Amino acid sequence: MPNGRLRIAIQRMVPFIGYHHVLMILIMCSWILSALLLAGCTSSSSTTSSIYLLSITYHDRSDSSGAASTIFGNASTGGSVTVRAGYLGICARAADQEPWICASGASGLGMAFAGSGTERDPLDALQWAQRFKSDVVFPGFVFGAIALSALAFFGLSTFPGWHEERDTRTGSDIVVKPFPSRPVSRACLFLLAFASLFLMTSALWQHVAAATAASIISTSTQGYLSGSVGPAAAVLVWLALAFTAVAGIGILVMILSIHLLDGLTDD
């Protein structure tokens, strides 16, 4: 019986879901993905620690020859720390079996990986990650995109929905939906366009920065430190961009459709 009532309630509600509600859902999906991206490496949970922009690990190159390789090989003896850098935090662990330890900066992690008699981070992987986080990447574009899409979300919430009105000629109830405000529609379009631009800038920036940093770290340490780009963070930022862009395109289609209908009625 409760399931039947719920089904009836949903069936009555579905016809009143407007086009702008779908666009608002897309914006909410973009918010969630952007929030997950920013939350990467801010806590030791398995979810957030797996969302990172750059990962730095020690690489065993005992078979390498040459004076420089010998120097780096001797210096990196005992190095076993794996470091991951996100927008707002850094995670590290000394071995694959150990849990991740996360903090807002490298200073909060250095003492945790001081081995007994042997330095676990002789090549300063933590400092490499700290410089990447503080000097290379910039989370402001993601925050800006969230703020702009939030304004567009509230603008869409003012759009009129389906409601019942009484027809003065027939006296019967009819379901109508007025056109939304054109200035608000255009404002939402521009807000989502700039939000998409911010997310695209952030996506390209983080990918190029992480790939470049990984190459520089590997070259500077003769390959004893290796870097890699975080796949989860890349997927999140591009999906957030896709949802925001689709919402913006949806508003553009709506504006053009209303303009076309107005032209047909005027004729």
Foldseek 3Di string as FASTA:
>chain_A
DVVVVVVVVVVVCVVFDDPLNVLLVLLVLLVVLLVLQQQAQAAQDPSNVLRAFKKKFFDDDVVDDDDLLVVLNVQQVQAQKMWGAGQQKIWIDRHPVDTIDMDRALVVVLVVQCDDVDRHCRPPPRVLRRCCNPPQADCPLSVLLNVLLVLLSVLSVPAWTWDWDADPVPRDIDIDGDGGDPVSLVSSLVSLVSSLVSLVVNLVRSNVSRVVSQVVVCVVSVNRMGMDGRPSSNVSSVSSSVSSVVSSVSSVVSSVVVVVVVVVVVD
